[in-house]
PDB file of N, CA and C in Angstrom:
ATOM      1  N   MET A   1       7.413 -90.509  16.132  1.00  0.00           N
ATOM      2  CA  MET A   1       6.139 -89.913  16.416  1.00  0.00           C
ATOM      3  C   MET A   1       6.108 -88.557  17.732  1.00  0.00           C
ATOM      4  N   ALA A   2       5.856 -87.759  16.994  1.00  0.00           N
ATOM      5  CA  ALA A   2       5.872 -86.379  17.850  1.00  0.00           C
ATOM      6  C   ALA A   2       4.206 -86.689  18.836  1.00  0.00           C
ATOM      7  N   THR A   3       4.436 -85.664  19.676  1.00  0.00           N
ATOM      8  CA  THR A   3       3.039 -85.516  20.710  1.00  0.00           C
ATOM      9  C   THR A   3       3.362 -83.924  21.060  1.00  0.00           C
ATOM     10  N   LYS A   4       2.111 -84.188  20.899  1.00  0.00           N
ATOM     11  CA  LYS A   4       1.657 -82.119  21.355  1.00  0.00           C
ATOM     12  C   LYS A   4       1.920 -81.973  22.724  1.00  0.00           C
ATOM     13  N   SER A   5       2.661 -81.061  23.058  1.00  0.00           N
ATOM     14  CA  SER A   5       2.336 -80.712  24.057  1.00  0.00           C
ATOM     15  C   SER A   5       1.290 -80.080  24.860  1.00  0.00           C
ATOM     16  N   ARG A   6       0.183 -80.144  25.978  1.00  0.00           N
ATOM     17  CA  ARG A   6      -0.700 -79.406  26.351  1.00  0.00           C
ATOM     18  C   ARG A   6      -0.139 -77.839  26.901  1.00  0.00           C
ATOM     19  N   ASN A   7      -0.528 -77.095  26.133  1.00  0.00           N
ATOM     20  CA  ASN A   7      -0.143 -75.616  27.026  1.00  0.00           C
ATOM     21  C   ASN A   7      -1.102 -75.440  27.884  1.00  0.00           C
ATOM     22  N   SER A   8      -0.556 -75.414  29.942  1.00  0.00           N
ATOM     23  CA  SER A   8      -1.476 -75.446  30.131  1.00  0.00           C
ATOM     24  C   SER A   8      -1.782 -74.315  30.788  1.00  0.00           C
ATOM     25  N   ASN A   9      -1.304 -72.767  29.880  1.00  0.00           N
ATOM     26  CA  ASN A   9      -1.304 -71.555  30.200  1.00  0.00           C
ATOM     27  C   ASN A   9      -2.791 -71.620  29.541  1.00  0.00           C
ATOM     28  N   ALA A  10      -3.375 -71.679  28.432  1.00  0.00           N
ATOM     29  CA  ALA A  10      -4.142 -71.574  27.550  1.00  0.00           C
ATOM     30  C   ALA A  10      -4.840 -72.476  28.803  1.00  0.00           C
ATOM     31  N   PHE A  11      -5.312 -73.908  28.681  1.00  0.00           N
ATOM     32  CA  PHE A  11      -6.649 -74.057  29.695  1.00  0.00           C
ATOM     33  C   PHE A  11      -6.616 -73.486  30.649  1.00  0.00           C
ATOM     34  N   LEU A  12      -6.043 -72.224  31.911  1.00  0.00           N
ATOM     35  CA  LEU A  12      -6.040 -71.788  32.480  1.00  0.00           C
ATOM     36  C   LEU A  12      -7.119 -70.577  32.550  1.00  0.00           C
ATOM     37  N   TRP A  13      -6.596 -70.175  31.379  1.00  0.00           N
ATOM     38  CA  TRP A  13      -8.021 -68.780  30.488  1.00  0.00           C
ATOM     39  C   TRP A  13      -8.692 -69.613  30.501  1.00  0.00           C
ATOM     40  N   SER A  14      -9.041 -70.868  29.443  1.00  0.00           N
ATOM     41  CA  SER A  14      -9.944 -71.124  29.122  1.00  0.00           C
ATOM     42  C   SER A  14     -11.061 -71.564  30.424  1.00  0.00           C
ATOM     43  N   VAL A  15     -10.395 -72.397  31.630  1.00  0.00           N
ATOM     44  CA  VAL A  15     -11.308 -71.897  32.519  1.00  0.00           C
ATOM     45  C   VAL A  15     -11.993 -71.223  33.488  1.00  0.00           C
ATOM     46  N   LEU A  16     -10.876 -69.792  32.980  1.00  0.00           N
ATOM     47  CA  LEU A  16     -11.335 -68.498  33.634  1.00  0.00           C
ATOM     48  C   LEU A  16     -12.331 -67.730  33.055  1.00  0.00           C
ATOM     49  N   ALA A  17     -12.358 -68.259  31.560  1.00  0.00           N
ATOM     50  CA  ALA A  17     -13.282 -67.564  30.907  1.00  0.00           C
ATOM     51  C   ALA A  17     -14.733 -68.074  30.556  1.00  0.00           C
ATOM     52  N   LEU A  18     -14.647 -69.738  31.820  1.00  0.00           N
ATOM     53  CA  LEU A  18     -16.126 -70.433  31.549  1.00  0.00           C
ATOM     54  C   LEU A  18     -16.512 -69.579  33.008  1.00  0.00           C
ATOM     55  N   PHE A  19     -15.572 -69.688  33.930  1.00  0.00           N
ATOM     56  CA  PHE A  19     -15.847 -68.939  35.237  1.00  0.00           C
ATOM     57  C   PHE A  19     -16.919 -67.521  35.113  1.00  0.00           C
ATOM     58  N   LEU A  20     -16.213 -66.703  34.313  1.00  0.00           N
ATOM     59  CA  LEU A  20     -16.973 -65.640  34.397  1.00  0.00           C
ATOM     60  C   LEU A  20     -17.927 -65.329  33.470  1.00  0.00           C
ATOM     61  N   ALA A  21     -18.121 -66.014  32.346  1.00  0.00           N
ATOM     62  CA  ALA A  21     -19.538 -66.679  31.864  1.00  0.00           C
ATOM     63  C   ALA A  21     -20.262 -67.210  32.505  1.00  0.00           C
ATOM     64  N   VAL A  22     -20.099 -67.886  33.571  1.00  0.00           N
ATOM     65  CA  VAL A  22     -21.050 -69.084  34.094  1.00  0.00           C
ATOM     66  C   VAL A  22     -21.653 -67.492  35.049  1.00  0.00           C
ATOM     67  N   ILE A  23     -20.659 -66.927  36.021  1.00  0.00           N
ATOM     68  CA  ILE A  23     -20.955 -65.641  36.771  1.00  0.00           C
ATOM     69  C   ILE A  23     -21.311 -64.467  36.179  1.00  0.00           C
ATOM     70  N   SER A  24     -21.469 -63.897  35.030  1.00  0.00           N
ATOM     71  CA  SER A  24     -22.355 -62.944  34.775  1.00  0.00           C
ATOM     72  C   SER A  24     -23.649 -63.119  33.978  1.00  0.00           C
ATOM     73  N   LEU A  25     -23.989 -64.774  33.527  1.00  0.00           N
ATOM     74  CA  LEU A  25     -25.498 -65.159  33.246  1.00  0.00           C
ATOM     75  C   LEU A  25     -25.931 -65.318  34.667  1.00  0.00           C
ATOM     76  N   THR A  26     -25.515 -65.725  35.477  1.00  0.00           N
ATOM     77  CA  THR A  26     -25.772 -66.087  37.144  1.00  0.00           C
ATOM     78  C   THR A  26     -26.430 -64.227  37.290  1.00  0.00           C
ATOM     79  N   TYR A  27     -25.796 -63.736  37.558  1.00  0.00           N
ATOM     80  CA  TYR A  27     -25.417 -62.043  37.560  1.00  0.00           C
ATOM     81  C   TYR A  27     -27.321 -61.653  36.797  1.00  0.00           C
ATOM     82  N   CYS A  28     -26.941 -61.917  35.587  1.00  0.00           N
ATOM     83  CA  CYS A  28     -27.682 -61.147  34.518  1.00  0.00           C
ATOM     84  C   CYS A  28     -29.103 -62.055  34.982  1.00  0.00           C
ATOM     85  N   VAL A  29     -29.376 -62.895  35.235  1.00  0.00           N
ATOM     86  CA  VAL A  29     -30.958 -63.917  34.886  1.00  0.00           C
ATOM     87  C   VAL A  29     -32.169 -63.295  35.672  1.00  0.00           C
ATOM     88  N   SER A  30     -31.515 -62.569  37.004  1.00  0.00           N
ATOM     89  CA  SER A  30     -32.207 -61.773  37.601  1.00  0.00           C
ATOM     90  C   SER A  30     -33.159 -60.891  36.670  1.00  0.00           C
ATOM     91  N   PHE A  31     -32.328 -59.657  36.383  1.00  0.00           N
ATOM     92  CA  PHE A  31     -32.634 -58.678  35.319  1.00  0.00           C
ATOM     93  C   PHE A  31     -33.251 -59.479  34.125  1.00  0.00           C
ATOM     94  N   ILE A  32     -32.937 -60.431  33.548  1.00  0.00           N
ATOM     95  CA  ILE A  32     -33.787 -60.578  32.270  1.00  0.00           C
ATOM     96  C   ILE A  32     -35.299 -61.297  32.947  1.00  0.00           C
ATOM     97  N   LEU A  33     -35.016 -62.154  33.864  1.00  0.00           N
ATOM     98  CA  LEU A  33     -36.703 -62.733  34.708  1.00  0.00           C
ATOM     99  C   LEU A  33     -37.583 -61.381  34.547  1.00  0.00           C
ATOM    100  N   ASP A  34     -37.009 -60.202  35.198  1.00  0.00           N
ATOM    101  CA  ASP A  34     -38.000 -58.871  35.624  1.00  0.00           C
ATOM    102  C   ASP A  34     -38.767 -59.021  34.471  1.00  0.00           C
ATOM    103  N   LEU A  35     -37.457 -58.491  33.248  1.00  0.00           N
ATOM    104  CA  LEU A  35     -37.812 -58.013  32.366  1.00  0.00           C
ATOM    105  C   LEU A  35     -39.281 -58.928  31.483  1.00  0.00           C
ATOM    106  N   VAL A  36     -39.085 -59.940  31.506  1.00  0.00           N
ATOM    107  CA  VAL A  36     -39.895 -60.861  31.141  1.00  0.00           C
ATOM    108  C   VAL A  36     -41.180 -61.165  31.930  1.00  0.00           C
ATOM    109  N   ASN A  37     -40.860 -60.925  32.624  1.00  0.00           N
ATOM    110  CA  ASN A  37     -42.368 -60.607  34.140  1.00  0.00           C
ATOM    111  C   ASN A  37     -43.256 -59.599  33.783  1.00  0.00           C
ATOM    112  N   ILE A  38     -41.990 -58.491  33.896  1.00  0.00           N
ATOM    113  CA  ILE A  38     -42.667 -56.806  33.494  1.00  0.00           C
ATOM    114  C   ILE A  38     -43.707 -56.917  31.738  1.00  0.00           C
ATOM    115  N   SER A  39     -43.228 -57.634  31.092  1.00  0.00           N
ATOM    116  CA  SER A  39     -43.627 -57.690  29.366  1.00  0.00           C
ATOM    117  C   SER A  39     -44.863 -58.960  29.845  1.00  0.00           C
ATOM    118  N   PHE A  40     -44.684 -59.620  30.166  1.00  0.00           N
ATOM    119  CA  PHE A  40     -45.963 -60.253  30.439  1.00  0.00           C
ATOM    120  C   PHE A  40     -47.319 -59.827  30.912  1.00  0.00           C
ATOM    121  N   GLU A  41     -47.123 -59.320  32.209  1.00  0.00           N
ATOM    122  CA  GLU A  41     -48.342 -58.606  33.083  1.00  0.00           C
ATOM    123  C   GLU A  41     -48.701 -57.334  31.818  1.00  0.00           C
ATOM    124  N   ARG A  42     -47.639 -56.767  31.340  1.00  0.00           N
ATOM    125  CA  ARG A  42     -48.222 -55.653  30.217  1.00  0.00           C
ATOM    126  C   ARG A  42     -49.464 -56.384  29.131  1.00  0.00           C
ATOM    127  N   THR A  43     -48.560 -57.071  28.701  1.00  0.00           N
ATOM    128  CA  THR A  43     -49.477 -58.097  27.401  1.00  0.00           C
ATOM    129  C   THR A  43     -50.492 -58.328  28.218  1.00  0.00           C
ATOM    130  N   THR A  44     -50.610 -58.723  29.292  1.00  0.00           N
ATOM    131  CA  THR A  44     -52.014 -59.681  29.806  1.00  0.00           C
ATOM    132  C   THR A  44     -53.479 -57.913  30.259  1.00  0.00           C
ATOM    133  N   ARG A  45     -52.625 -57.087  30.750  1.00  0.00           N
ATOM    134  CA  ARG A  45     -53.716 -55.967  30.816  1.00  0.00           C
ATOM    135  C   ARG A  45     -54.081 -55.739  29.813  1.00  0.00           C
ATOM    136  N   THR A  46     -53.068 -55.422  28.527  1.00  0.00           N
ATOM    137  CA  THR A  46     -53.940 -55.010  26.753  1.00  0.00           C
ATOM    138  C   THR A  46     -54.596 -56.178  26.405  1.00  0.00           C
ATOM    139  N   PHE A  47     -54.162 -57.342  26.841  1.00  0.00           N
ATOM    140  CA  PHE A  47     -55.741 -57.748  26.075  1.00  0.00           C
ATOM    141  C   PHE A  47     -57.118 -58.015  27.452  1.00  0.00           C
ATOM    142  N   ALA A  48     -56.608 -57.964  28.093  1.00  0.00           N
ATOM    143  CA  ALA A  48     -57.682 -57.676  29.157  1.00  0.00           C
ATOM    144  C   ALA A  48     -59.046 -56.206  28.557  1.00  0.00           C
ATOM    145  N   GLN A  49     -57.650 -55.386  28.658  1.00  0.00           N
ATOM    146  CA  GLN A  49     -58.762 -54.263  28.314  1.00  0.00           C
ATOM    147  C   GLN A  49     -59.725 -54.264  26.773  1.00  0.00           C
ATOM    148  N   LEU A  50     -58.556 -55.196  26.156  1.00  0.00           N
ATOM    149  CA  LEU A  50     -59.497 -55.354  24.688  1.00  0.00           C
ATOM    150  C   LEU A  50     -60.540 -56.515  24.792  1.00  0.00           C
ATOM    151  N   THR A  51     -60.588 -56.678  25.255  1.00  0.00           N
ATOM    152  CA  THR A  51     -61.671 -57.940  25.621  1.00  0.00           C
ATOM    153  C   THR A  51     -63.083 -56.723  25.865  1.00  0.00           C
ATOM    154  N   ARG A  52     -62.751 -56.205  27.025  1.00  0.00           N
ATOM    155  CA  ARG A  52     -63.712 -55.494  27.449  1.00  0.00           C
ATOM    156  C   ARG A  52     -64.022 -54.440  27.015  1.00  0.00           C
ATOM    157  N   TRP A  53     -63.223 -53.820  26.017  1.00  0.00           N
ATOM    158  CA  TRP A  53     -63.532 -53.401  24.782  1.00  0.00           C
ATOM    159  C   TRP A  53     -64.873 -53.716  23.722  1.00  0.00           C
ATOM    160  N   MET A  54     -64.183 -55.087  23.610  1.00  0.00           N
ATOM    161  CA  MET A  54     -65.230 -56.066  22.506  1.00  0.00           C
ATOM    162  C   MET A  54     -66.058 -56.104  23.117  1.00  0.00           C
ATOM    163  N   GLY A  55     -65.906 -56.604  24.737  1.00  0.00           N
ATOM    164  CA  GLY A  55     -67.492 -56.913  24.817  1.00  0.00           C
ATOM    165  C   GLY A  55     -68.504 -55.830  25.287  1.00  0.00           C
ATOM    166  N   GLY A  56     -67.489 -54.983  25.070  1.00  0.00           N
ATOM    167  CA  GLY A  56     -69.208 -53.481  25.614  1.00  0.00           C
ATOM    168  C   GLY A  56     -69.037 -53.030  27.010  1.00  0.00           C
ATOM    169  N   ALA A  57     -68.330 -54.555  27.794  1.00  0.00           N
ATOM    170  CA  ALA A  57     -68.243 -54.079  29.353  1.00  0.00           C
ATOM    171  C   ALA A  57     -67.526 -53.172  29.709  1.00  0.00           C
TER     172      ALA A  57
END
């Protein structure tokens, strides 16, 4: 019965790729949250202005 030998080099590259992906995501999270916050504030202001226009105030 033949057994497959695990390639430790491939394992190390996989771990490195996962590590880089986690670092990239943690770096980008702040920018993504800022973008969501800005768009939410803009949407809130737009709805408030429309409500004022429709209410005649």
